[in-house]
């Protein structure tokens, strides 16, 4: 005859109480913290637009910057090559193995 699983309440009550106290402490710290005012760039320009203009070396951005398109593309090609090499190295060559069952080092059959 099977029995129903029983709920162990002693350990779960302690964990629940600790989680509730931790939530209360974090909520109190967050609600009483003084974050101050946010920092902005001169003239309230958009940093995202300035990064986009700088990447393509356009002078439409209001923040002074350098062109990043060439370095961005070089890094892009290097990372793409690294990704392709990782996939190639991680791919298992099944063509070279025979059809016989090979015993692995942990004792299992492949």
PDB file of N, CA and C in Angstrom:
ATOM      1  N   UNK A   1       0.835  -1.171   0.000  1.00  0.00           N
ATOM      2  CA  UNK A   1       0.000   0.000   0.000  1.00  0.00           C
ATOM      3  C   UNK A   1       0.887   1.243   0.000  1.00  0.00           C
ATOM      4  N   UNK A   2       0.534   2.206  -0.809  1.00  0.00           N
ATOM      5  CA  UNK A   2       1.333   3.426  -0.893  1.00  0.00           C
ATOM      6  C   UNK A   2       0.816   4.455   0.102  1.00  0.00           C
ATOM      7  N   UNK A   3       1.712   5.306   0.510  1.00  0.00           N
ATOM      8  CA  UNK A   3       1.328   6.371   1.435  1.00  0.00           C
ATOM      9  C   UNK A   3       1.477   7.715   0.745  1.00  0.00           C
ATOM     10  N   UNK A   4       0.778   8.683   1.253  1.00  0.00           N
ATOM     11  CA  UNK A   4       0.859  10.025   0.681  1.00  0.00           C
ATOM     12  C   UNK A   4       2.149  10.696   1.131  1.00  0.00           C
ATOM     13  N   UNK A   5       2.697  11.561   0.303  1.00  0.00           N
ATOM     14  CA  UNK A   5       3.875  12.306   0.744  1.00  0.00           C
ATOM     15  C   UNK A   5       3.485  13.293   1.838  1.00  0.00           C
ATOM     16  N   UNK A   6       4.380  13.496   2.764  1.00  0.00           N
ATOM     17  CA  UNK A   6       4.101  14.405   3.876  1.00  0.00           C
ATOM     18  C   UNK A   6       4.911  15.679   3.716  1.00  0.00           C
ATOM     19  N   UNK A   7       4.334  16.770   4.132  1.00  0.00           N
ATOM     20  CA  UNK A   7       4.974  18.069   4.047  1.00  0.00           C
ATOM     21  C   UNK A   7       5.809  18.298   5.296  1.00  0.00           C
ATOM     22  N   UNK A   8       7.090  18.564   5.111  1.00  0.00           N
ATOM     23  CA  UNK A   8       7.973  18.857   6.237  1.00  0.00           C
ATOM     24  C   UNK A   8       7.872  20.347   6.523  1.00  0.00           C
ATOM     25  N   UNK A   9       7.101  20.713   7.519  1.00  0.00           N
ATOM     26  CA  UNK A   9       6.818  22.124   7.764  1.00  0.00           C
ATOM     27  C   UNK A   9       7.878  22.816   8.605  1.00  0.00           C
ATOM     28  N   UNK A  10       8.647  22.110   9.385  1.00  0.00           N
ATOM     29  CA  UNK A  10       9.595  22.787  10.267  1.00  0.00           C
ATOM     30  C   UNK A  10      10.686  23.504   9.480  1.00  0.00           C
ATOM     31  N   UNK A  11      11.256  22.879   8.462  1.00  0.00           N
ATOM     32  CA  UNK A  11      12.334  23.516   7.707  1.00  0.00           C
ATOM     33  C   UNK A  11      11.792  24.569   6.741  1.00  0.00           C
ATOM     34  N   UNK A  12      10.618  24.354   6.168  1.00  0.00           N
ATOM     35  CA  UNK A  12      10.082  25.328   5.223  1.00  0.00           C
ATOM     36  C   UNK A  12       9.593  26.585   5.928  1.00  0.00           C
ATOM     37  N   UNK A  13       9.168  26.475   7.161  1.00  0.00           N
ATOM     38  CA  UNK A  13       8.738  27.665   7.896  1.00  0.00           C
ATOM     39  C   UNK A  13       9.922  28.568   8.205  1.00  0.00           C
ATOM     40  N   UNK A  14      11.048  27.989   8.543  1.00  0.00           N
ATOM     41  CA  UNK A  14      12.238  28.787   8.844  1.00  0.00           C
ATOM     42  C   UNK A  14      12.726  29.498   7.585  1.00  0.00           C
ATOM     43  N   UNK A  15      12.768  28.786   6.480  1.00  0.00           N
ATOM     44  CA  UNK A  15      13.216  29.386   5.220  1.00  0.00           C
ATOM     45  C   UNK A  15      12.254  30.492   4.793  1.00  0.00           C
ATOM     46  N   UNK A  16      10.973  30.274   4.931  1.00  0.00           N
ATOM     47  CA  UNK A  16       9.987  31.295   4.592  1.00  0.00           C
ATOM     48  C   UNK A  16      10.111  32.524   5.471  1.00  0.00           C
ATOM     49  N   UNK A  17      10.350  32.327   6.761  1.00  0.00           N
ATOM     50  CA  UNK A  17      10.516  33.451   7.677  1.00  0.00           C
ATOM     51  C   UNK A  17      11.770  34.255   7.338  1.00  0.00           C
ATOM     52  N   UNK A  18      12.864  33.566   7.019  1.00  0.00           N
ATOM     53  CA  UNK A  18      14.102  34.258   6.638  1.00  0.00           C
ATOM     54  C   UNK A  18      13.894  35.047   5.345  1.00  0.00           C
ATOM     55  N   UNK A  19      13.207  34.475   4.377  1.00  0.00           N
ATOM     56  CA  UNK A  19      12.941  35.172   3.121  1.00  0.00           C
ATOM     57  C   UNK A  19      12.069  36.399   3.353  1.00  0.00           C
ATOM     58  N   UNK A  20      11.075  36.285   4.218  1.00  0.00           N
ATOM     59  CA  UNK A  20      10.192  37.416   4.515  1.00  0.00           C
ATOM     60  C   UNK A  20      10.958  38.541   5.210  1.00  0.00           C
ATOM     61  N   UNK A  21      11.830  38.196   6.155  1.00  0.00           N
ATOM     62  CA  UNK A  21      12.628  39.206   6.852  1.00  0.00           C
ATOM     63  C   UNK A  21      13.599  39.875   5.880  1.00  0.00           C
ATOM     64  N   UNK A  22      14.226  39.097   5.020  1.00  0.00           N
ATOM     65  CA  UNK A  22      15.144  39.662   4.037  1.00  0.00           C
ATOM     66  C   UNK A  22      14.416  40.603   3.083  1.00  0.00           C
ATOM     67  N   UNK A  23      13.213  40.221   2.656  1.00  0.00           N
ATOM     68  CA  UNK A  23      12.418  41.104   1.804  1.00  0.00           C
ATOM     69  C   UNK A  23      12.095  42.403   2.529  1.00  0.00           C
ATOM     70  N   UNK A  24      11.744  42.320   3.798  1.00  0.00           N
ATOM     71  CA  UNK A  24      11.437  43.524   4.573  1.00  0.00           C
ATOM     72  C   UNK A  24      12.640  44.442   4.706  1.00  0.00           C
ATOM     73  N   UNK A  25      13.813  43.862   4.950  1.00  0.00           N
ATOM     74  CA  UNK A  25      15.031  44.673   5.078  1.00  0.00           C
ATOM     75  C   UNK A  25      15.363  45.350   3.755  1.00  0.00           C
ATOM     76  N   UNK A  26      15.302  44.601   2.659  1.00  0.00           N
ATOM     77  CA  UNK A  26      15.608  45.184   1.354  1.00  0.00           C
ATOM     78  C   UNK A  26      14.589  46.247   0.955  1.00  0.00           C
ATOM     79  N   UNK A  27      13.322  46.033   1.264  1.00  0.00           N
ATOM     80  CA  UNK A  27      12.299  47.033   0.961  1.00  0.00           C
ATOM     81  C   UNK A  27      12.530  48.299   1.769  1.00  0.00           C
ATOM     82  N   UNK A  28      12.896  48.157   3.048  1.00  0.00           N
ATOM     83  CA  UNK A  28      13.158  49.331   3.884  1.00  0.00           C
ATOM     84  C   UNK A  28      14.374  50.102   3.378  1.00  0.00           C
ATOM     85  N   UNK A  29      15.415  49.401   2.981  1.00  0.00           N
ATOM     86  CA  UNK A  29      16.610  50.072   2.459  1.00  0.00           C
ATOM     87  C   UNK A  29      16.287  50.794   1.159  1.00  0.00           C
ATOM     88  N   UNK A  30      15.538  50.160   0.288  1.00  0.00           N
ATOM     89  CA  UNK A  30      15.205  50.767  -0.998  1.00  0.00           C
ATOM     90  C   UNK A  30      14.309  51.986  -0.826  1.00  0.00           C
ATOM     91  N   UNK A  31      13.326  51.899   0.059  1.00  0.00           N
ATOM     92  CA  UNK A  31      12.389  53.005   0.224  1.00  0.00           C
ATOM     93  C   UNK A  31      13.001  54.193   0.957  1.00  0.00           C
ATOM     94  N   UNK A  32      14.009  53.975   1.777  1.00  0.00           N
ATOM     95  CA  UNK A  32      14.611  55.081   2.517  1.00  0.00           C
ATOM     96  C   UNK A  32      15.882  55.612   1.861  1.00  0.00           C
ATOM     97  N   UNK A  33      16.318  55.030   0.756  1.00  0.00           N
ATOM     98  CA  UNK A  33      17.554  55.458   0.098  1.00  0.00           C
ATOM     99  C   UNK A  33      17.329  56.767  -0.647  1.00  0.00           C
ATOM    100  N   UNK A  34      18.363  57.608  -0.648  1.00  0.00           N
ATOM    101  CA  UNK A  34      18.325  58.864  -1.390  1.00  0.00           C
ATOM    102  C   UNK A  34      19.161  58.684  -2.654  1.00  0.00           C
ATOM    103  N   UNK A  35      18.491  58.646  -3.797  1.00  0.00           N
ATOM    104  CA  UNK A  35      19.183  58.399  -5.050  1.00  0.00           C
ATOM    105  C   UNK A  35      19.715  59.675  -5.690  1.00  0.00           C
ATOM    106  N   UNK A  36      19.277  60.827  -5.269  1.00  0.00           N
ATOM    107  CA  UNK A  36      19.753  62.078  -5.839  1.00  0.00           C
ATOM    108  C   UNK A  36      19.199  62.302  -7.230  1.00  0.00           C
ATOM    109  N   UNK A  37      19.743  63.300  -7.896  1.00  0.00           N
ATOM    110  CA  UNK A  37      19.272  63.593  -9.252  1.00  0.00           C
ATOM    111  C   UNK A  37      20.113  62.828 -10.267  1.00  0.00           C
ATOM    112  N   UNK A  38      19.548  62.604 -11.419  1.00  0.00           N
ATOM    113  CA  UNK A  38      20.257  61.863 -12.452  1.00  0.00           C
ATOM    114  C   UNK A  38      21.222  62.785 -13.195  1.00  0.00           C
ATOM    115  N   UNK A  39      22.289  62.210 -13.707  1.00  0.00           N
ATOM    116  CA  UNK A  39      23.294  62.978 -14.434  1.00  0.00           C
ATOM    117  C   UNK A  39      22.938  63.005 -15.915  1.00  0.00           C
ATOM    118  N   UNK A  40      23.153  64.137 -16.548  1.00  0.00           N
ATOM    119  CA  UNK A  40      22.883  64.270 -17.976  1.00  0.00           C
ATOM    120  C   UNK A  40      24.106  64.840 -18.678  1.00  0.00           C
ATOM    121  N   UNK A  41      24.109  64.745 -19.990  1.00  0.00           N
ATOM    122  CA  UNK A  41      25.162  65.347 -20.782  1.00  0.00           C
ATOM    123  C   UNK A  41      24.821  66.805 -21.042  1.00  0.00           C
ATOM    124  N   UNK A  42      25.801  67.544 -21.496  1.00  0.00           N
ATOM    125  CA  UNK A  42      25.588  68.964 -21.762  1.00  0.00           C
ATOM    126  C   UNK A  42      24.540  69.150 -22.853  1.00  0.00           C
ATOM    127  N   UNK A  43      23.609  70.021 -22.620  1.00  0.00           N
ATOM    128  CA  UNK A  43      22.598  70.327 -23.616  1.00  0.00           C
ATOM    129  C   UNK A  43      21.528  69.268 -23.747  1.00  0.00           C
ATOM    130  N   UNK A  44      21.468  68.325 -22.836  1.00  0.00           N
ATOM    131  CA  UNK A  44      20.451  67.262 -22.824  1.00  0.00           C
ATOM    132  C   UNK A  44      20.407  66.503 -24.145  1.00  0.00           C
ATOM    133  N   UNK A  45      21.564  66.124 -24.654  1.00  0.00           N
ATOM    134  CA  UNK A  45      21.619  65.365 -25.900  1.00  0.00           C
ATOM    135  C   UNK A  45      21.416  63.888 -25.621  1.00  0.00           C
ATOM    136  N   UNK A  46      20.985  63.166 -26.621  1.00  0.00           N
ATOM    137  CA  UNK A  46      20.775  61.736 -26.469  1.00  0.00           C
ATOM    138  C   UNK A  46      22.063  60.970 -26.709  1.00  0.00           C
ATOM    139  N   UNK A  47      22.482  60.193 -25.736  1.00  0.00           N
ATOM    140  CA  UNK A  47      23.736  59.455 -25.864  1.00  0.00           C
ATOM    141  C   UNK A  47      23.609  58.328 -26.887  1.00  0.00           C
ATOM    142  N   UNK A  48      22.422  57.752 -27.014  1.00  0.00           N
ATOM    143  CA  UNK A  48      22.237  56.659 -27.965  1.00  0.00           C
ATOM    144  C   UNK A  48      22.393  57.151 -29.398  1.00  0.00           C
ATOM    145  N   UNK A  49      21.800  58.285 -29.695  1.00  0.00           N
ATOM    146  CA  UNK A  49      21.937  58.848 -31.036  1.00  0.00           C
ATOM    147  C   UNK A  49      23.382  59.239 -31.311  1.00  0.00           C
ATOM    148  N   UNK A  50      24.065  59.771 -30.318  1.00  0.00           N
ATOM    149  CA  UNK A  50      25.461  60.164 -30.505  1.00  0.00           C
ATOM    150  C   UNK A  50      26.353  58.953 -30.753  1.00  0.00           C
ATOM    151  N   UNK A  51      26.081  57.838 -30.082  1.00  0.00           N
ATOM    152  CA  UNK A  51      26.856  56.620 -30.320  1.00  0.00           C
ATOM    153  C   UNK A  51      26.619  56.118 -31.740  1.00  0.00           C
ATOM    154  N   UNK A  52      25.380  56.173 -32.201  1.00  0.00           N
ATOM    155  CA  UNK A  52      25.075  55.749 -33.566  1.00  0.00           C
ATOM    156  C   UNK A  52      25.770  56.609 -34.601  1.00  0.00           C
ATOM    157  N   UNK A  53      25.761  57.925 -34.398  1.00  0.00           N
ATOM    158  CA  UNK A  53      26.454  58.815 -35.334  1.00  0.00           C
ATOM    159  C   UNK A  53      27.963  58.592 -35.285  1.00  0.00           C
ATOM    160  N   UNK A  54      28.501  58.349 -34.101  1.00  0.00           N
ATOM    161  CA  UNK A  54      29.945  58.137 -33.970  1.00  0.00           C
ATOM    162  C   UNK A  54      30.374  56.832 -34.621  1.00  0.00           C
ATOM    163  N   UNK A  55      29.519  55.816 -34.551  1.00  0.00           N
ATOM    164  CA  UNK A  55      29.879  54.525 -35.116  1.00  0.00           C
ATOM    165  C   UNK A  55      30.030  54.600 -36.630  1.00  0.00           C
ATOM    166  N   UNK A  56      29.207  55.409 -37.278  1.00  0.00           N
ATOM    167  CA  UNK A  56      29.289  55.555 -38.728  1.00  0.00           C
ATOM    168  C   UNK A  56      30.064  56.798 -39.141  1.00  0.00           C
ATOM    169  N   UNK A  57      30.737  57.444 -38.175  1.00  0.00           N
ATOM    170  CA  UNK A  57      31.591  58.600 -38.416  1.00  0.00           C
ATOM    171  C   UNK A  57      30.832  59.744 -39.086  1.00  0.00           C
ATOM    172  N   UNK A  58      29.627  60.016 -38.606  1.00  0.00           N
ATOM    173  CA  UNK A  58      28.822  61.126 -39.096  1.00  0.00           C
ATOM    174  C   UNK A  58      28.960  62.294 -38.130  1.00  0.00           C
ATOM    175  N   UNK A  59      28.868  63.495 -38.622  1.00  0.00           N
ATOM    176  CA  UNK A  59      29.018  64.669 -37.770  1.00  0.00           C
ATOM    177  C   UNK A  59      27.689  65.189 -37.242  1.00  0.00           C
ATOM    178  N   UNK A  60      26.627  64.415 -37.312  1.00  0.00           N
ATOM    179  CA  UNK A  60      25.320  64.881 -36.864  1.00  0.00           C
ATOM    180  C   UNK A  60      25.164  64.805 -35.351  1.00  0.00           C
ATOM    181  N   UNK A  61      25.999  64.035 -34.681  1.00  0.00           N
ATOM    182  CA  UNK A  61      25.901  63.927 -33.228  1.00  0.00           C
ATOM    183  C   UNK A  61      26.420  65.179 -32.553  1.00  0.00           C
ATOM    184  N   UNK A  62      25.852  65.521 -31.418  1.00  0.00           N
ATOM    185  CA  UNK A  62      26.264  66.742 -30.740  1.00  0.00           C
ATOM    186  C   UNK A  62      27.433  66.511 -29.790  1.00  0.00           C
ATOM    187  N   UNK A  63      27.772  65.259 -29.497  1.00  0.00           N
ATOM    188  CA  UNK A  63      28.913  64.964 -28.645  1.00  0.00           C
ATOM    189  C   UNK A  63      30.131  64.680 -29.513  1.00  0.00           C
ATOM    190  N   UNK A  64      31.290  65.211 -29.158  1.00  0.00           N
ATOM    191  CA  UNK A  64      32.481  64.910 -29.954  1.00  0.00           C
ATOM    192  C   UNK A  64      32.865  63.442 -29.795  1.00  0.00           C
ATOM    193  N   UNK A  65      33.230  62.812 -30.908  1.00  0.00           N
ATOM    194  CA  UNK A  65      33.551  61.386 -30.848  1.00  0.00           C
ATOM    195  C   UNK A  65      34.445  61.008 -32.015  1.00  0.00           C
ATOM    196  N   UNK A  66      34.882  59.760 -32.013  1.00  0.00           N
ATOM    197  CA  UNK A  66      35.688  59.213 -33.092  1.00  0.00           C
ATOM    198  C   UNK A  66      34.857  58.183 -33.841  1.00  0.00           C
ATOM    199  N   UNK A  67      35.284  57.847 -35.043  1.00  0.00           N
ATOM    200  CA  UNK A  67      34.577  56.833 -35.816  1.00  0.00           C
ATOM    201  C   UNK A  67      34.917  55.435 -35.321  1.00  0.00           C
ATOM    202  N   UNK A  68      33.909  54.606 -35.149  1.00  0.00           N
ATOM    203  CA  UNK A  68      34.112  53.264 -34.619  1.00  0.00           C
ATOM    204  C   UNK A  68      33.699  52.173 -35.595  1.00  0.00           C
ATOM    205  N   UNK A  69      33.326  52.513 -36.808  1.00  0.00           N
ATOM    206  CA  UNK A  69      32.787  51.511 -37.717  1.00  0.00           C
ATOM    207  C   UNK A  69      33.832  50.468 -38.102  1.00  0.00           C
ATOM    208  N   UNK A  70      35.039  50.894 -38.414  1.00  0.00           N
ATOM    209  CA  UNK A  70      36.076  49.946 -38.829  1.00  0.00           C
ATOM    210  C   UNK A  70      36.430  49.003 -37.687  1.00  0.00           C
ATOM    211  N   UNK A  71      36.639  49.539 -36.496  1.00  0.00           N
ATOM    212  CA  UNK A  71      36.974  48.668 -35.364  1.00  0.00           C
ATOM    213  C   UNK A  71      35.805  47.749 -35.017  1.00  0.00           C
ATOM    214  N   UNK A  72      34.585  48.232 -35.159  1.00  0.00           N
ATOM    215  CA  UNK A  72      33.407  47.403 -34.914  1.00  0.00           C
ATOM    216  C   UNK A  72      33.356  46.237 -35.893  1.00  0.00           C
ATOM    217  N   UNK A  73      33.612  46.497 -37.161  1.00  0.00           N
ATOM    218  CA  UNK A  73      33.567  45.441 -38.171  1.00  0.00           C
ATOM    219  C   UNK A  73      34.715  44.449 -38.007  1.00  0.00           C
ATOM    220  N   UNK A  74      35.890  44.920 -37.614  1.00  0.00           N
ATOM    221  CA  UNK A  74      37.020  44.010 -37.385  1.00  0.00           C
ATOM    222  C   UNK A  74      36.706  43.064 -36.233  1.00  0.00           C
ATOM    223  N   UNK A  75      36.173  43.603 -35.150  1.00  0.00           N
ATOM    224  CA  UNK A  75      35.795  42.761 -34.011  1.00  0.00           C
ATOM    225  C   UNK A  75      34.679  41.801 -34.407  1.00  0.00           C
ATOM    226  N   UNK A  76      33.746  42.266 -35.249  1.00  0.00           N
ATOM    227  CA  UNK A  76      32.656  41.418 -35.718  1.00  0.00           C
ATOM    228  C   UNK A  76      33.186  40.217 -36.500  1.00  0.00           C
ATOM    229  N   UNK A  77      34.121  40.443 -37.397  1.00  0.00           N
ATOM    230  CA  UNK A  77      34.679  39.346 -38.204  1.00  0.00           C
ATOM    231  C   UNK A  77      35.470  38.382 -37.327  1.00  0.00           C
ATOM    232  N   UNK A  78      36.231  38.898 -36.373  1.00  0.00           N
ATOM    233  CA  UNK A  78      37.013  38.029 -35.482  1.00  0.00           C
ATOM    234  C   UNK A  78      36.091  37.158 -34.629  1.00  0.00           C
ATOM    235  N   UNK A  79      35.045  37.749 -34.065  1.00  0.00           N
ATOM    236  CA  UNK A  79      34.116  36.970 -33.240  1.00  0.00           C
ATOM    237  C   UNK A  79      33.338  35.953 -34.070  1.00  0.00           C
ATOM    238  N   UNK A  80      32.985  36.315 -35.290  1.00  0.00           N
ATOM    239  CA  UNK A  80      32.292  35.367 -36.161  1.00  0.00           C
ATOM    240  C   UNK A  80      33.193  34.184 -36.506  1.00  0.00           C
ATOM    241  N   UNK A  81      34.462  34.458 -36.769  1.00  0.00           N
ATOM    242  CA  UNK A  81      35.413  33.376 -37.028  1.00  0.00           C
ATOM    243  C   UNK A  81      35.615  32.492 -35.809  1.00  0.00           C
ATOM    244  N   UNK A  82      35.672  33.097 -34.626  1.00  0.00           N
ATOM    245  CA  UNK A  82      35.825  32.315 -33.395  1.00  0.00           C
ATOM    246  C   UNK A  82      34.601  31.441 -33.152  1.00  0.00           C
ATOM    247  N   UNK A  83      33.421  31.966 -33.447  1.00  0.00           N
ATOM    248  CA  UNK A  83      32.201  31.178 -33.283  1.00  0.00           C
ATOM    249  C   UNK A  83      32.171  30.002 -34.254  1.00  0.00           C
ATOM    250  N   UNK A  84      32.547  30.242 -35.499  1.00  0.00           N
ATOM    251  CA  UNK A  84      32.576  29.158 -36.483  1.00  0.00           C
ATOM    252  C   UNK A  84      33.615  28.109 -36.105  1.00  0.00           C
ATOM    253  N   UNK A  85      34.766  28.539 -35.601  1.00  0.00           N
ATOM    254  CA  UNK A  85      35.799  27.586 -35.179  1.00  0.00           C
ATOM    255  C   UNK A  85      35.338  26.771 -33.978  1.00  0.00           C
ATOM    256  N   UNK A  86      34.632  27.401 -33.041  1.00  0.00           N
ATOM    257  CA  UNK A  86      34.134  26.672 -31.876  1.00  0.00           C
ATOM    258  C   UNK A  86      33.105  25.627 -32.277  1.00  0.00           C
ATOM    259  N   UNK A  87      32.248  25.956 -33.226  1.00  0.00           N
ATOM    260  CA  UNK A  87      31.257  24.983 -33.700  1.00  0.00           C
ATOM    261  C   UNK A  87      31.951  23.844 -34.430  1.00  0.00           C
ATOM    262  N   UNK A  88      32.955  24.167 -35.240  1.00  0.00           N
ATOM    263  CA  UNK A  88      33.668  23.135 -35.981  1.00  0.00           C
ATOM    264  C   UNK A  88      34.436  22.210 -35.037  1.00  0.00           C
ATOM    265  N   UNK A  89      35.082  22.774 -34.016  1.00  0.00           N
ATOM    266  CA  UNK A  89      35.830  21.946 -33.076  1.00  0.00           C
ATOM    267  C   UNK A  89      34.909  21.128 -32.176  1.00  0.00           C
ATOM    268  N   UNK A  90      33.745  21.654 -31.872  1.00  0.00           N
ATOM    269  CA  UNK A  90      32.817  20.950 -30.999  1.00  0.00           C
ATOM    270  C   UNK A  90      31.990  19.901 -31.699  1.00  0.00           C
ATOM    271  N   UNK A  91      31.987  19.901 -33.017  1.00  0.00           N
ATOM    272  CA  UNK A  91      31.193  18.937 -33.775  1.00  0.00           C
ATOM    273  C   UNK A  91      31.868  17.579 -33.736  1.00  0.00           C
ATOM    274  N   UNK A  92      31.097  16.545 -33.475  1.00  0.00           N
ATOM    275  CA  UNK A  92      31.622  15.185 -33.395  1.00  0.00           C
ATOM    276  C   UNK A  92      31.690  14.593 -34.798  1.00  0.00           C
ATOM    277  N   UNK A  93      32.817  13.971 -35.109  1.00  0.00           N
ATOM    278  CA  UNK A  93      32.978  13.312 -36.404  1.00  0.00           C
ATOM    279  C   UNK A  93      32.509  11.873 -36.283  1.00  0.00           C
ATOM    280  N   UNK A  94      31.294  11.594 -36.753  1.00  0.00           N
ATOM    281  CA  UNK A  94      30.750  10.244 -36.675  1.00  0.00           C
ATOM    282  C   UNK A  94      31.171   9.387 -37.864  1.00  0.00           C
ATOM    283  N   UNK A  95      31.674  10.008 -38.925  1.00  0.00           N
ATOM    284  CA  UNK A  95      32.028   9.244 -40.113  1.00  0.00           C
ATOM    285  C   UNK A  95      33.261   8.379 -39.888  1.00  0.00           C
ATOM    286  N   UNK A  96      34.179   8.808 -39.032  1.00  0.00           N
ATOM    287  CA  UNK A  96      35.424   8.083 -38.836  1.00  0.00           C
ATOM    288  C   UNK A  96      35.259   6.868 -37.932  1.00  0.00           C
ATOM    289  N   UNK A  97      34.219   6.809 -37.138  1.00  0.00           N
ATOM    290  CA  UNK A  97      34.029   5.707 -36.208  1.00  0.00           C
ATOM    291  C   UNK A  97      33.410   4.512 -36.926  1.00  0.00           C
ATOM    292  N   UNK A  98      33.703   3.344 -36.408  1.00  0.00           N
ATOM    293  CA  UNK A  98      33.124   2.141 -36.998  1.00  0.00           C
ATOM    294  C   UNK A  98      31.720   1.939 -36.448  1.00  0.00           C
ATOM    295  N   UNK A  99      31.008   0.986 -37.018  1.00  0.00           N
ATOM    296  CA  UNK A  99      29.643   0.714 -36.592  1.00  0.00           C
ATOM    297  C   UNK A  99      29.583  -0.132 -35.329  1.00  0.00           C
ATOM    298  N   UNK A 100      30.724  -0.603 -34.842  1.00  0.00           N
ATOM    299  CA  UNK A 100      30.734  -1.425 -33.643  1.00  0.00           C
ATOM    300  C   UNK A 100      30.417  -0.578 -32.419  1.00  0.00           C
ATOM    301  N   UNK A 101      29.905  -1.235 -31.406  1.00  0.00           N
ATOM    302  CA  UNK A 101      29.600  -0.547 -30.161  1.00  0.00           C
ATOM    303  C   UNK A 101      30.900  -0.217 -29.436  1.00  0.00           C
ATOM    304  N   UNK A 102      31.097   1.029 -29.101  1.00  0.00           N
ATOM    305  CA  UNK A 102      32.317   1.477 -28.447  1.00  0.00           C
ATOM    306  C   UNK A 102      32.012   1.685 -26.972  1.00  0.00           C
ATOM    307  N   UNK A 103      32.821   1.076 -26.113  1.00  0.00           N
ATOM    308  CA  UNK A 103      32.640   1.263 -24.684  1.00  0.00           C
ATOM    309  C   UNK A 103      33.337   2.545 -24.273  1.00  0.00           C
ATOM    310  N   UNK A 104      32.597   3.402 -23.598  1.00  0.00           N
ATOM    311  CA  UNK A 104      33.146   4.684 -23.185  1.00  0.00           C
ATOM    312  C   UNK A 104      33.907   4.527 -21.882  1.00  0.00           C
ATOM    313  N   UNK A 105      34.626   5.560 -21.481  1.00  0.00           N
ATOM    314  CA  UNK A 105      35.469   5.500 -20.297  1.00  0.00           C
ATOM    315  C   UNK A 105      34.659   5.306 -19.020  1.00  0.00           C
ATOM    316  N   UNK A 106      33.410   5.776 -19.001  1.00  0.00           N
ATOM    317  CA  UNK A 106      32.606   5.617 -17.797  1.00  0.00           C
ATOM    318  C   UNK A 106      31.855   4.291 -17.767  1.00  0.00           C
ATOM    319  N   UNK A 107      32.091   3.431 -18.743  1.00  0.00           N
ATOM    320  CA  UNK A 107      31.483   2.114 -18.752  1.00  0.00           C
ATOM    321  C   UNK A 107      30.218   2.019 -19.571  1.00  0.00           C
ATOM    322  N   UNK A 108      29.720   3.135 -20.070  1.00  0.00           N
ATOM    323  CA  UNK A 108      28.500   3.119 -20.862  1.00  0.00           C
ATOM    324  C   UNK A 108      28.779   2.814 -22.311  1.00  0.00           C
ATOM    325  N   UNK A 109      27.768   2.393 -23.030  1.00  0.00           N
ATOM    326  CA  UNK A 109      27.899   2.129 -24.459  1.00  0.00           C
ATOM    327  C   UNK A 109      27.384   3.332 -25.233  1.00  0.00           C
ATOM    328  N   UNK A 110      28.042   3.618 -26.326  1.00  0.00           N
ATOM    329  CA  UNK A 110      27.598   4.715 -27.165  1.00  0.00           C
ATOM    330  C   UNK A 110      26.672   4.195 -28.213  1.00  0.00           C
TER     331      UNK A 110
END
